[in-house]
Amino acid sequence: MKAWFLFFIGTIAFFLYKYIKRGKKAEAFNMTFWFKDNWQELLLTFLFDFAAMLIVMDSGTSIDLTEVISFLPAGIVLSATLVVAFFVGFGGGAAVYSMLKRKVKSNG
């Protein structure tokens, strides 16, 4: 359950980051406009991230981050599933959004 919660937090954090980096900062936030303008990216990102989470959460998936996060003190052990769940939400969103942006530019 924690992994799914972290996945959703990561997804929300990514879209919040995109909102903070928006070009027209003078305009007040309008949820209806934002959803109309971003629903395709949000849906595709969510579907991609959800599929990745199903893979990560599968009992056959084994993740070892000890070599990747070698800077942590020896006494600290992180749950790889929880770390990956957050980064699937945030990083997966960034990857899909970047891919869509390049695709739109190349077709535009």
N, C-alpha and C. Protein backbone atom coordinates (compact mmCIF):
# COMPACT_ATOMS: atom_id res chain seq x y z
N MET A 1 0.83 -1.20 0.00
CA MET A 1 0.00 0.00 0.00
C MET A 1 0.87 1.26 0.00
N LYS A 2 1.96 1.25 0.77
CA LYS A 2 2.85 2.41 0.80
C LYS A 2 3.43 2.70 -0.58
N ALA A 3 3.76 1.64 -1.32
CA ALA A 3 4.35 1.83 -2.64
C ALA A 3 3.37 2.54 -3.58
N TRP A 4 2.11 2.15 -3.53
CA TRP A 4 1.11 2.81 -4.38
C TRP A 4 0.93 4.26 -3.98
N PHE A 5 0.95 4.52 -2.69
CA PHE A 5 0.82 5.89 -2.19
C PHE A 5 2.00 6.73 -2.67
N LEU A 6 3.22 6.19 -2.57
CA LEU A 6 4.40 6.91 -3.04
C LEU A 6 4.37 7.11 -4.55
N PHE A 7 3.83 6.15 -5.27
CA PHE A 7 3.66 6.28 -6.72
C PHE A 7 2.77 7.48 -7.04
N PHE A 8 1.64 7.59 -6.35
CA PHE A 8 0.73 8.71 -6.59
C PHE A 8 1.38 10.04 -6.17
N ILE A 9 2.11 10.05 -5.06
CA ILE A 9 2.81 11.26 -4.65
C ILE A 9 3.83 11.67 -5.71
N GLY A 10 4.56 10.71 -6.25
CA GLY A 10 5.54 11.01 -7.29
C GLY A 10 4.89 11.58 -8.54
N THR A 11 3.76 11.03 -8.94
CA THR A 11 3.04 11.53 -10.12
C THR A 11 2.55 12.95 -9.89
N ILE A 12 1.96 13.19 -8.73
CA ILE A 12 1.48 14.54 -8.39
C ILE A 12 2.65 15.51 -8.30
N ALA A 13 3.76 15.06 -7.71
CA ALA A 13 4.95 15.92 -7.59
C ALA A 13 5.47 16.32 -8.96
N PHE A 14 5.46 15.40 -9.91
CA PHE A 14 5.93 15.73 -11.26
C PHE A 14 5.06 16.80 -11.89
N PHE A 15 3.75 16.64 -11.82
CA PHE A 15 2.87 17.63 -12.45
C PHE A 15 2.89 18.96 -11.69
N LEU A 16 3.11 18.93 -10.40
CA LEU A 16 3.30 20.16 -9.64
C LEU A 16 4.58 20.86 -10.09
N TYR A 17 5.63 20.09 -10.29
CA TYR A 17 6.89 20.63 -10.80
C TYR A 17 6.68 21.30 -12.16
N LYS A 18 5.95 20.63 -13.05
CA LYS A 18 5.66 21.20 -14.37
C LYS A 18 4.87 22.49 -14.22
N TYR A 19 3.94 22.54 -13.28
CA TYR A 19 3.15 23.75 -13.05
C TYR A 19 4.03 24.89 -12.54
N ILE A 20 4.93 24.58 -11.63
CA ILE A 20 5.83 25.61 -11.09
C ILE A 20 6.71 26.18 -12.19
N LYS A 21 7.11 25.35 -13.15
CA LYS A 21 8.00 25.77 -14.23
C LYS A 21 7.24 26.34 -15.44
N ARG A 22 5.93 26.57 -15.30
CA ARG A 22 5.12 27.05 -16.43
C ARG A 22 5.61 28.40 -16.91
N GLY A 23 5.26 28.75 -18.14
CA GLY A 23 5.70 30.01 -18.72
C GLY A 23 4.89 31.22 -18.27
N LYS A 24 3.59 31.08 -18.13
CA LYS A 24 2.70 32.20 -17.79
C LYS A 24 2.41 32.19 -16.29
N LYS A 25 3.36 32.64 -15.49
CA LYS A 25 3.21 32.59 -14.04
C LYS A 25 2.28 33.65 -13.49
N ALA A 26 1.95 34.66 -14.27
CA ALA A 26 1.09 35.74 -13.79
C ALA A 26 -0.37 35.29 -13.67
N GLU A 27 -0.74 34.27 -14.43
CA GLU A 27 -2.13 33.80 -14.41
C GLU A 27 -2.39 32.96 -13.16
N ALA A 28 -3.57 33.13 -12.58
CA ALA A 28 -3.98 32.34 -11.41
C ALA A 28 -4.26 30.90 -11.84
N PHE A 29 -4.08 29.97 -10.91
CA PHE A 29 -4.32 28.56 -11.20
C PHE A 29 -5.80 28.32 -11.45
N ASN A 30 -6.08 27.61 -12.52
CA ASN A 30 -7.45 27.25 -12.88
C ASN A 30 -7.45 25.75 -13.17
N MET A 31 -8.00 24.96 -12.26
CA MET A 31 -7.97 23.50 -12.40
C MET A 31 -8.67 23.03 -13.67
N THR A 32 -9.78 23.64 -14.03
CA THR A 32 -10.52 23.25 -15.24
C THR A 32 -9.67 23.48 -16.48
N PHE A 33 -9.06 24.67 -16.59
CA PHE A 33 -8.20 24.96 -17.74
C PHE A 33 -7.01 24.02 -17.75
N TRP A 34 -6.38 23.80 -16.58
CA TRP A 34 -5.21 22.94 -16.52
C TRP A 34 -5.57 21.54 -16.99
N PHE A 35 -6.70 21.01 -16.54
CA PHE A 35 -7.09 19.66 -16.92
C PHE A 35 -7.38 19.58 -18.42
N LYS A 36 -8.08 20.58 -18.96
CA LYS A 36 -8.36 20.59 -20.41
C LYS A 36 -7.08 20.66 -21.22
N ASP A 37 -6.10 21.40 -20.72
CA ASP A 37 -4.85 21.60 -21.43
C ASP A 37 -3.90 20.41 -21.29
N ASN A 38 -4.03 19.64 -20.21
CA ASN A 38 -3.05 18.59 -19.91
C ASN A 38 -3.62 17.19 -19.76
N TRP A 39 -4.88 16.97 -20.07
CA TRP A 39 -5.47 15.67 -19.77
C TRP A 39 -4.80 14.53 -20.54
N GLN A 40 -4.37 14.80 -21.79
CA GLN A 40 -3.73 13.73 -22.57
C GLN A 40 -2.41 13.31 -21.93
N GLU A 41 -1.59 14.30 -21.55
CA GLU A 41 -0.31 14.00 -20.92
C GLU A 41 -0.51 13.29 -19.58
N LEU A 42 -1.48 13.76 -18.82
CA LEU A 42 -1.77 13.16 -17.52
C LEU A 42 -2.21 11.71 -17.68
N LEU A 43 -3.10 11.45 -18.60
CA LEU A 43 -3.60 10.09 -18.80
C LEU A 43 -2.50 9.17 -19.31
N LEU A 44 -1.73 9.59 -20.32
CA LEU A 44 -0.67 8.74 -20.84
C LEU A 44 0.40 8.49 -19.79
N THR A 45 0.76 9.53 -19.06
CA THR A 45 1.74 9.37 -17.99
C THR A 45 1.24 8.40 -16.94
N PHE A 46 0.00 8.57 -16.53
CA PHE A 46 -0.57 7.68 -15.52
C PHE A 46 -0.60 6.24 -16.01
N LEU A 47 -1.00 6.01 -17.25
CA LEU A 47 -1.05 4.64 -17.78
C LEU A 47 0.34 4.01 -17.85
N PHE A 48 1.32 4.78 -18.33
CA PHE A 48 2.69 4.29 -18.40
C PHE A 48 3.21 3.97 -17.01
N ASP A 49 3.01 4.90 -16.08
CA ASP A 49 3.49 4.71 -14.71
C ASP A 49 2.76 3.55 -14.02
N PHE A 50 1.48 3.42 -14.27
CA PHE A 50 0.70 2.34 -13.66
C PHE A 50 1.21 0.99 -14.15
N ALA A 51 1.49 0.88 -15.43
CA ALA A 51 2.04 -0.37 -15.97
C ALA A 51 3.40 -0.68 -15.34
N ALA A 52 4.24 0.34 -15.21
CA ALA A 52 5.54 0.14 -14.58
C ALA A 52 5.37 -0.30 -13.12
N MET A 53 4.40 0.27 -12.42
CA MET A 53 4.16 -0.11 -11.03
C MET A 53 3.68 -1.56 -10.91
N LEU A 54 2.86 -2.01 -11.86
CA LEU A 54 2.42 -3.40 -11.83
C LEU A 54 3.62 -4.34 -11.95
N ILE A 55 4.60 -3.95 -12.77
CA ILE A 55 5.82 -4.75 -12.92
C ILE A 55 6.64 -4.70 -11.63
N VAL A 56 6.82 -3.49 -11.09
CA VAL A 56 7.61 -3.32 -9.87
C VAL A 56 6.98 -4.08 -8.70
N MET A 57 5.67 -4.06 -8.59
CA MET A 57 4.98 -4.66 -7.45
C MET A 57 4.78 -6.17 -7.59
N ASP A 58 5.12 -6.73 -8.74
CA ASP A 58 4.97 -8.17 -8.93
C ASP A 58 5.90 -8.92 -7.99
N SER A 59 5.43 -10.02 -7.47
CA SER A 59 6.23 -10.79 -6.50
C SER A 59 7.51 -11.34 -7.12
N GLY A 60 7.55 -11.46 -8.42
CA GLY A 60 8.75 -11.98 -9.09
C GLY A 60 9.81 -10.92 -9.34
N THR A 61 9.48 -9.66 -9.09
CA THR A 61 10.43 -8.58 -9.31
C THR A 61 11.34 -8.43 -8.10
N SER A 62 12.63 -8.39 -8.36
CA SER A 62 13.60 -8.22 -7.29
C SER A 62 14.46 -7.00 -7.63
N ILE A 63 14.52 -6.06 -6.71
CA ILE A 63 15.27 -4.83 -6.93
C ILE A 63 16.29 -4.68 -5.81
N ASP A 64 17.54 -4.46 -6.19
CA ASP A 64 18.61 -4.25 -5.22
C ASP A 64 19.28 -2.92 -5.52
N LEU A 65 19.14 -1.96 -4.62
CA LEU A 65 19.69 -0.63 -4.82
C LEU A 65 20.99 -0.39 -4.04
N THR A 66 21.56 -1.44 -3.48
CA THR A 66 22.74 -1.25 -2.63
C THR A 66 23.91 -0.66 -3.39
N GLU A 67 24.11 -1.02 -4.64
CA GLU A 67 25.22 -0.45 -5.42
C GLU A 67 24.90 0.93 -5.95
N VAL A 68 23.63 1.18 -6.22
CA VAL A 68 23.22 2.48 -6.73
C VAL A 68 23.28 3.54 -5.65
N ILE A 69 22.83 3.19 -4.45
CA ILE A 69 22.81 4.14 -3.34
C ILE A 69 23.92 3.76 -2.36
N SER A 70 25.14 3.78 -2.82
CA SER A 70 26.27 3.37 -2.00
C SER A 70 26.73 4.46 -1.03
N PHE A 71 26.23 5.67 -1.17
CA PHE A 71 26.65 6.77 -0.31
C PHE A 71 25.97 6.75 1.06
N LEU A 72 24.96 5.92 1.25
CA LEU A 72 24.28 5.83 2.55
C LEU A 72 25.15 5.10 3.56
N PRO A 73 25.06 5.49 4.81
CA PRO A 73 25.80 4.78 5.86
C PRO A 73 25.38 3.31 5.92
N ALA A 74 26.28 2.47 6.38
CA ALA A 74 26.05 1.02 6.39
C ALA A 74 24.81 0.60 7.19
N GLY A 75 24.41 1.35 8.19
CA GLY A 75 23.28 0.98 9.02
C GLY A 75 21.92 1.29 8.42
N ILE A 76 21.88 2.02 7.31
CA ILE A 76 20.60 2.41 6.72
C ILE A 76 20.27 1.48 5.55
N VAL A 77 19.11 0.89 5.63
CA VAL A 77 18.62 0.02 4.57
C VAL A 77 17.30 0.59 4.07
N LEU A 78 17.22 0.84 2.78
CA LEU A 78 15.99 1.39 2.19
C LEU A 78 15.19 0.29 1.52
N SER A 79 13.89 0.46 1.52
CA SER A 79 13.03 -0.44 0.77
C SER A 79 13.11 -0.04 -0.71
N ALA A 80 13.70 -0.90 -1.50
CA ALA A 80 13.86 -0.60 -2.92
C ALA A 80 12.51 -0.42 -3.60
N THR A 81 11.53 -1.19 -3.20
CA THR A 81 10.20 -1.09 -3.80
C THR A 81 9.62 0.30 -3.57
N LEU A 82 9.77 0.83 -2.36
CA LEU A 82 9.23 2.16 -2.07
C LEU A 82 9.98 3.26 -2.81
N VAL A 83 11.29 3.14 -2.87
CA VAL A 83 12.09 4.14 -3.60
C VAL A 83 11.73 4.12 -5.08
N VAL A 84 11.67 2.93 -5.65
CA VAL A 84 11.35 2.80 -7.07
C VAL A 84 9.92 3.27 -7.34
N ALA A 85 8.99 3.00 -6.44
CA ALA A 85 7.60 3.43 -6.63
C ALA A 85 7.51 4.94 -6.77
N PHE A 86 8.22 5.67 -5.90
CA PHE A 86 8.19 7.13 -6.00
C PHE A 86 8.80 7.59 -7.32
N PHE A 87 9.94 7.02 -7.68
CA PHE A 87 10.61 7.46 -8.90
C PHE A 87 9.91 7.00 -10.17
N VAL A 88 9.11 5.96 -10.10
CA VAL A 88 8.27 5.60 -11.25
C VAL A 88 7.23 6.70 -11.45
N GLY A 89 6.62 7.16 -10.35
CA GLY A 89 5.63 8.23 -10.45
C GLY A 89 6.22 9.52 -10.96
N PHE A 90 7.36 9.93 -10.42
CA PHE A 90 7.97 11.19 -10.81
C PHE A 90 8.76 11.05 -12.11
N GLY A 91 9.66 10.10 -12.16
CA GLY A 91 10.52 9.92 -13.33
C GLY A 91 9.79 9.41 -14.55
N GLY A 92 8.83 8.53 -14.32
CA GLY A 92 8.04 8.04 -15.45
C GLY A 92 7.26 9.16 -16.09
N GLY A 93 6.72 10.05 -15.25
CA GLY A 93 6.01 11.21 -15.77
C GLY A 93 6.93 12.09 -16.59
N ALA A 94 8.13 12.31 -16.09
CA ALA A 94 9.10 13.14 -16.81
C ALA A 94 9.47 12.51 -18.14
N ALA A 95 9.66 11.20 -18.16
CA ALA A 95 10.04 10.51 -19.39
C ALA A 95 8.93 10.58 -20.44
N VAL A 96 7.71 10.30 -20.03
CA VAL A 96 6.58 10.33 -20.97
C VAL A 96 6.34 11.76 -21.46
N TYR A 97 6.39 12.72 -20.56
CA TYR A 97 6.16 14.12 -20.93
C TYR A 97 7.22 14.58 -21.92
N SER A 98 8.47 14.21 -21.68
CA SER A 98 9.57 14.58 -22.58
C SER A 98 9.38 13.93 -23.95
N MET A 99 8.99 12.67 -23.96
CA MET A 99 8.75 11.96 -25.20
C MET A 99 7.63 12.63 -26.00
N LEU A 100 6.54 12.98 -25.32
CA LEU A 100 5.42 13.64 -25.99
C LEU A 100 5.82 15.00 -26.56
N LYS A 101 6.60 15.73 -25.79
CA LYS A 101 7.03 17.05 -26.22
C LYS A 101 7.87 16.96 -27.50
N ARG A 102 8.80 16.01 -27.54
CA ARG A 102 9.62 15.80 -28.75
C ARG A 102 8.77 15.36 -29.93
N LYS A 103 7.81 14.49 -29.69
CA LYS A 103 6.93 13.98 -30.76
C LYS A 103 6.08 15.10 -31.34
N VAL A 104 5.53 15.96 -30.46
CA VAL A 104 4.70 17.08 -30.91
C VAL A 104 5.55 18.06 -31.72
N LYS A 105 6.78 18.35 -31.26
CA LYS A 105 7.66 19.27 -31.98
C LYS A 105 8.04 18.73 -33.35
N SER A 106 8.30 17.41 -33.44
CA SER A 106 8.72 16.82 -34.72
C SER A 106 7.56 16.75 -35.70
N ASN A 107 6.33 16.66 -35.19
CA ASN A 107 5.15 16.62 -36.07
C ASN A 107 4.57 17.99 -36.34
N GLY A 108 4.97 18.99 -35.53
CA GLY A 108 4.39 20.34 -35.61
C GLY A 108 4.99 21.11 -36.70
